[in-house]
Every structure is written in C-alpha cells, then in structure tokens.
Amino acid sequence: MNKKNSSYIGISLIILIFGIIFIPKIVDRIGSDDIVETDRLNVKRANGDNSEVGYIEQYGKNKRVPDFQFINQDGDTISNEDYLGKVYVVEFFFSTCPSICPIMNANLINVQKEFKGNDDFGIASFTIDPEHDTPEVLKEYKEGHGISNKNWNFLTGDREEIYKVANSGFGIFADKDQTVPGGFAHSGLFALIDQEGFIRSRNDQYGNPIIYYRGSIDPENSITEGEEKAEIEELIADIKTLLK
C-alpha cells in the first residue's frame, strides 16, 4: 500500500470517528434547544422570549420615527411631537383604494376597540393620494367608518414629503403605479411606535425583528398553515406591553 492510499484511509477514519462521536451530540443539542449564546447557530433570544417588544436597530442606533408635520381631517397641523407620550400605529393608505386599504382599516378599527377610552393610544394614517384626499375627504372617510379615537389622525399634505416619510423615513413602500388597482402601490404594513418615538416590534420565530406588522391580510382568511397571516393579535398584544 503506497503512502497516498494510506493518507486517504487515515483521513476517512478521522471523518468516520468524528461523525460517530460528535454528530449525535450536535443533533441532540439542536433537538433539545440546548444552544448557548456564543454558538453561531443561536438565532433565538438568549431568554427564549420572542414576544418581547424590542427596538429596531439601524446603523448602530435605535430607529426613531421620522419627523413629520401634516394637516389632519380637521385642518389641524399634526406632527410626530404630538404623539410623544403615546403608543401609536402608523399606516399608509388612500381613501379610494379598492384592494387592501379596506382590510387594513378594518383591522385598525378592531385595534381601536381594544383601547377604547385610552388617551395614551393613537393611530396616524398617512394618505398616499393627497391630491384627492383633502382634509374634507378624510373627515368624511373617518366619520363614515365609525372611527371614534380622538388620537386617530388622517394626515394629508405635500405628496413628495409624504412619500419621503414612507419610503425613506419608515422604509414602508408607497408610490404611484397605474398597473395596480387604484393607481397606487403600497405594502399594507403597520409600524408600532412607543411613547418616546422609537419604532418597536416583536421578534419572529428565528429571533429576528419582524420590524412591521402585516395589516393588509384578513385574519378570517389567513388561517391555512403556510400562508401569510395577519399580525393584528400580535400588534394588540405588543401595544398592551408598551402601555404598561
């Protein structure tokens, strides 16, 4: 037997021994969820609590809500500073939307019901069609949908500024698009903001922040395993956590 063949046999024996000794231990650790924080495979929170409402980190800092100042349905000027001290939800919608907006706002109305009478909770709905959605139109929209929360503002103003807040400020996509129903494309996501103006979210099953909550899915039609589901129950739970 030459040296080359001996080397191959030696390497094969080492691999075999490694597999016999170590692979079962690795499998057992994964199966029992016994993975320490220093492991590269650790993708869960150290405390195992994925329902904690964490901060969203960007460039090494906790991400804040972008500065904004727009007109609401009553003609009043509303800015991000008006929401300081409150937990609130942000959405981007338009009143004539024929697709996801009715679902989004039906979900937010259900969220509103959970916090009825709580002055420390609010909602900010930014229209992405300000040319049509004047304060008068938005006031009619709010009243027509039975929205009673005084801290739920429907905001309109300069289109470029609104799109800047959506796309650059939050990273929630919004744009004109004549190929989609209604002529505007948007994601249907909700952002959760805490009392100090920080964007907050829970983690997913892998320990990563979900960042935003799916609001454009009907909870009644998202129960099939494997399908995307609305995250309204999670949003409500996380609002309650921040309000404590």
Protein backbone atom coordinates (compact mmCIF):
# COMPACT_ATOMS: atom_id res chain seq x y z
CA MET A 1 0.00 0.00 0.00
CA ASN A 2 1.52 3.34 -1.04
CA LYS A 3 1.66 6.48 1.09
CA LYS A 4 -1.08 8.20 -0.94
CA ASN A 5 -3.60 5.43 -0.25
CA SER A 6 -2.60 5.36 3.40
CA SER A 7 -3.32 9.07 3.66
CA TYR A 8 -6.81 8.66 2.14
CA ILE A 9 -7.59 5.82 4.58
CA GLY A 10 -6.35 7.89 7.52
CA ILE A 11 -8.48 10.90 6.58
CA SER A 12 -11.53 8.66 6.07
CA LEU A 13 -11.08 7.13 9.52
CA ILE A 14 -10.87 10.58 11.13
CA ILE A 15 -14.08 11.72 9.40
CA LEU A 16 -15.82 8.48 10.42
CA ILE A 17 -14.75 8.84 14.07
CA PHE A 18 -15.85 12.49 14.11
CA GLY A 19 -19.24 11.54 12.74
CA ILE A 20 -19.73 8.75 15.26
CA ILE A 21 -18.72 10.86 18.27
CA PHE A 22 -19.86 14.40 17.55
CA ILE A 23 -22.80 14.42 15.11
CA PRO A 24 -25.20 12.67 17.53
CA LYS A 25 -24.28 15.26 20.18
CA ILE A 26 -24.95 18.14 17.79
CA VAL A 27 -28.29 16.63 16.81
CA ASP A 28 -29.22 16.15 20.47
CA ARG A 29 -28.35 19.78 21.28
CA ILE A 30 -30.44 21.09 18.42
CA GLY A 31 -33.34 18.80 19.28
CA SER A 32 -33.31 19.85 22.92
CA ASP A 33 -32.80 23.53 22.01
CA ASP A 34 -29.61 23.47 24.08
CA ILE A 35 -27.70 26.11 22.10
CA VAL A 36 -25.66 28.65 24.00
CA GLU A 37 -25.47 32.31 23.13
CA THR A 38 -21.96 32.03 21.70
CA ASP A 39 -22.91 29.37 19.14
CA ARG A 40 -23.15 30.55 15.55
CA LEU A 41 -26.39 28.55 15.27
CA ASN A 42 -28.04 30.61 18.02
CA VAL A 43 -30.76 32.61 16.28
CA LYS A 44 -33.10 32.93 19.25
CA ARG A 45 -33.18 35.42 22.08
CA ALA A 46 -30.99 34.36 24.95
CA ASN A 47 -34.04 34.26 27.24
CA GLY A 48 -36.16 32.43 24.66
CA ASP A 49 -38.86 35.11 24.80
CA ASN A 50 -39.84 36.02 21.22
CA SER A 51 -42.83 38.07 22.35
CA GLU A 52 -40.64 40.83 23.84
CA VAL A 53 -41.16 44.14 22.08
CA GLY A 54 -37.68 45.17 21.05
CA TYR A 55 -36.12 48.14 19.30
CA ILE A 56 -35.24 48.29 15.61
CA GLU A 57 -31.55 48.97 15.23
CA GLN A 58 -30.24 50.89 12.22
CA TYR A 59 -26.62 51.98 11.80
CA GLY A 60 -25.96 51.03 15.40
CA LYS A 61 -28.76 53.17 16.84
CA ASN A 62 -32.37 52.51 17.81
CA LYS A 63 -34.55 53.70 14.94
CA ARG A 64 -36.86 56.61 15.60
CA VAL A 65 -39.98 57.67 13.76
CA PRO A 66 -39.03 60.26 11.11
CA ASP A 67 -40.01 63.86 11.74
CA PHE A 68 -43.30 64.75 10.06
CA GLN A 69 -45.81 67.59 10.01
CA PHE A 70 -49.05 67.38 8.05
CA ILE A 71 -52.69 68.51 8.15
CA ASN A 72 -55.34 66.24 9.62
CA GLN A 73 -59.01 65.76 8.78
CA ASP A 74 -59.97 68.75 10.92
CA GLY A 75 -57.46 71.11 9.30
CA ASP A 76 -55.14 70.99 12.31
CA THR A 77 -51.36 70.68 11.97
CA ILE A 78 -50.16 67.38 13.43
CA SER A 79 -46.51 66.40 13.88
CA ASN A 80 -44.62 63.49 15.39
CA GLU A 81 -44.22 65.57 18.55
CA ASP A 82 -48.00 65.49 19.08
CA TYR A 83 -47.69 61.75 19.58
CA LEU A 84 -44.92 61.87 22.18
CA GLY A 85 -46.11 60.14 25.35
CA LYS A 86 -48.44 57.91 23.33
CA VAL A 87 -48.13 54.45 21.83
CA TYR A 88 -49.37 54.62 18.25
CA VAL A 89 -49.63 52.78 14.96
CA VAL A 90 -48.67 54.21 11.57
CA GLU A 91 -50.16 53.22 8.22
CA PHE A 92 -50.03 54.49 4.62
CA PHE A 93 -53.31 54.22 2.71
CA PHE A 94 -55.66 56.15 0.41
CA SER A 95 -59.39 56.63 0.70
CA THR A 96 -60.35 55.31 -2.76
CA CYS A 97 -58.21 52.19 -2.50
CA PRO A 98 -60.18 49.23 -3.92
CA SER A 99 -57.91 46.48 -2.62
CA ILE A 100 -56.00 46.27 0.66
CA CYS A 101 -56.88 49.55 2.42
CA PRO A 102 -60.40 48.47 3.48
CA ILE A 103 -58.84 45.41 5.15
CA MET A 104 -56.11 47.50 6.76
CA ASN A 105 -58.55 49.96 8.28
CA ALA A 106 -60.99 47.26 9.33
CA ASN A 107 -58.08 45.72 11.24
CA LEU A 108 -57.18 49.08 12.77
CA ILE A 109 -60.78 49.66 13.82
CA ASN A 110 -60.57 46.37 15.71
CA VAL A 111 -57.34 47.58 17.29
CA GLN A 112 -59.11 50.83 18.22
CA LYS A 113 -61.84 48.87 20.01
CA GLU A 114 -59.25 47.17 22.22
CA PHE A 115 -58.07 50.55 23.52
CA LYS A 116 -61.34 52.45 23.65
CA GLY A 117 -61.11 55.35 26.08
CA ASN A 118 -57.33 55.07 26.42
CA ASP A 119 -55.88 58.52 25.73
CA ASP A 120 -52.36 57.07 25.62
CA PHE A 121 -53.03 55.20 22.36
CA GLY A 122 -53.33 56.66 18.87
CA ILE A 123 -53.10 55.98 15.13
CA ALA A 124 -51.58 58.03 12.30
CA SER A 125 -52.97 57.29 8.82
CA PHE A 126 -50.99 58.99 6.03
CA THR A 127 -52.71 59.24 2.67
CA ILE A 128 -50.54 58.46 -0.37
CA ASP A 129 -53.06 60.24 -2.61
CA PRO A 130 -53.10 63.76 -1.13
CA GLU A 131 -54.36 65.33 -4.35
CA HIS A 132 -57.68 63.59 -3.81
CA ASP A 133 -57.59 63.08 -0.05
CA THR A 134 -58.12 66.61 1.21
CA PRO A 135 -58.95 67.25 4.87
CA GLU A 136 -62.64 67.34 3.92
CA VAL A 137 -62.44 63.97 2.19
CA LEU A 138 -60.53 62.45 5.09
CA LYS A 139 -63.02 63.82 7.62
CA GLU A 140 -65.86 62.20 5.71
CA TYR A 141 -63.86 58.98 5.49
CA LYS A 142 -63.21 58.94 9.24
CA GLU A 143 -66.82 59.64 10.15
CA GLY A 144 -68.10 57.14 7.60
CA HIS A 145 -66.04 54.36 9.13
CA GLY A 146 -67.20 54.98 12.69
CA ILE A 147 -63.76 55.97 13.93
CA SER A 148 -64.04 57.48 17.37
CA ASN A 149 -60.48 57.59 18.73
CA LYS A 150 -59.61 61.28 19.02
CA ASN A 151 -55.94 60.41 18.61
CA TRP A 152 -56.52 58.73 15.24
CA ASN A 153 -55.45 61.35 12.71
CA PHE A 154 -55.82 61.09 8.94
CA LEU A 155 -52.97 63.12 7.53
CA THR A 156 -52.50 64.81 4.17
CA GLY A 157 -50.11 67.32 2.66
CA ASP A 158 -47.31 67.55 0.12
CA ARG A 159 -47.09 64.29 -1.81
CA GLU A 160 -43.28 64.25 -2.02
CA GLU A 161 -42.99 64.83 1.72
CA ILE A 162 -45.42 62.01 2.48
CA TYR A 163 -43.54 59.64 0.18
CA LYS A 164 -40.27 60.67 1.81
CA VAL A 165 -41.69 59.81 5.23
CA ALA A 166 -42.95 56.46 3.92
CA ASN A 167 -40.03 55.30 1.81
CA SER A 168 -37.00 56.93 3.41
CA GLY A 169 -38.28 57.52 6.94
CA PHE A 170 -40.04 54.25 7.67
CA GLY A 171 -38.96 52.06 4.77
CA ILE A 172 -42.62 51.25 4.08
CA PHE A 173 -43.05 51.28 0.32
CA ALA A 174 -45.51 53.67 -1.35
CA ASP A 175 -45.59 55.01 -4.91
CA LYS A 176 -47.81 55.78 -7.86
CA ASP A 177 -48.38 52.75 -10.08
CA GLN A 178 -51.04 52.74 -12.77
CA THR A 179 -50.69 48.97 -13.22
CA VAL A 180 -52.25 48.17 -9.82
CA PRO A 181 -55.84 48.68 -8.65
CA GLY A 182 -56.41 52.28 -7.61
CA GLY A 183 -53.20 53.55 -9.21
CA PHE A 184 -51.03 53.43 -6.07
CA ALA A 185 -48.76 50.65 -4.81
CA HIS A 186 -48.18 50.21 -1.10
CA SER A 187 -47.21 47.44 1.26
CA GLY A 188 -50.06 47.30 3.78
CA LEU A 189 -47.70 47.21 6.75
CA PHE A 190 -48.22 48.82 10.17
CA ALA A 191 -45.46 50.42 12.23
CA LEU A 192 -45.62 50.42 16.03
CA ILE A 193 -44.20 53.48 17.80
CA ASP A 194 -43.55 53.82 21.53
CA GLN A 195 -44.01 56.80 23.83
CA GLU A 196 -40.54 58.19 23.09
CA GLY A 197 -40.86 57.96 19.32
CA PHE A 198 -38.93 54.73 18.76
CA ILE A 199 -40.10 52.11 16.25
CA ARG A 200 -40.68 48.84 18.08
CA SER A 201 -41.52 45.24 17.14
CA ARG A 202 -41.50 41.69 18.40
CA ASN A 203 -39.18 39.01 17.05
CA ASP A 204 -40.08 36.23 14.65
CA GLN A 205 -39.57 32.54 15.37
CA TYR A 206 -35.90 32.82 14.44
CA GLY A 207 -35.17 35.69 16.79
CA ASN A 208 -35.16 38.39 14.13
CA PRO A 209 -37.32 41.54 14.47
CA ILE A 210 -40.39 41.46 12.23
CA ILE A 211 -39.98 45.28 12.06
CA TYR A 212 -43.52 45.89 10.76
CA TYR A 213 -46.85 44.13 11.24
CA ARG A 214 -48.90 42.72 8.36
CA GLY A 215 -52.12 44.68 8.26
CA SER A 216 -53.46 44.00 4.78
CA ILE A 217 -54.49 40.40 5.39
CA ASP A 218 -57.95 39.46 6.59
CA PRO A 219 -57.48 37.46 9.82
CA GLU A 220 -60.50 35.34 8.93
CA ASN A 221 -58.88 34.23 5.67
CA SER A 222 -55.30 33.69 6.84
CA ILE A 223 -55.63 30.54 8.91
CA THR A 224 -54.27 27.99 6.43
CA GLU A 225 -50.92 26.65 7.57
CA GLY A 226 -48.07 28.01 5.48
CA GLU A 227 -49.94 31.12 4.34
CA GLU A 228 -49.03 34.60 5.48
CA LYS A 229 -51.23 35.66 8.35
CA ALA A 230 -52.37 38.97 9.66
CA GLU A 231 -50.41 40.02 12.72
CA ILE A 232 -53.16 42.02 14.38
CA GLU A 233 -53.36 39.92 17.54
CA GLU A 234 -49.61 40.27 17.96
CA LEU A 235 -49.87 44.02 17.37
CA ILE A 236 -52.58 44.37 20.01
CA ALA A 237 -50.54 42.35 22.50
CA ASP A 238 -47.44 44.44 21.85
CA ILE A 239 -49.36 47.71 22.24
CA LYS A 240 -50.56 46.47 25.61
CA THR A 241 -47.00 45.65 26.58
CA LEU A 242 -45.77 49.15 25.70
CA LEU A 243 -48.68 50.78 27.53
CA LYS A 244 -47.86 49.05 30.80
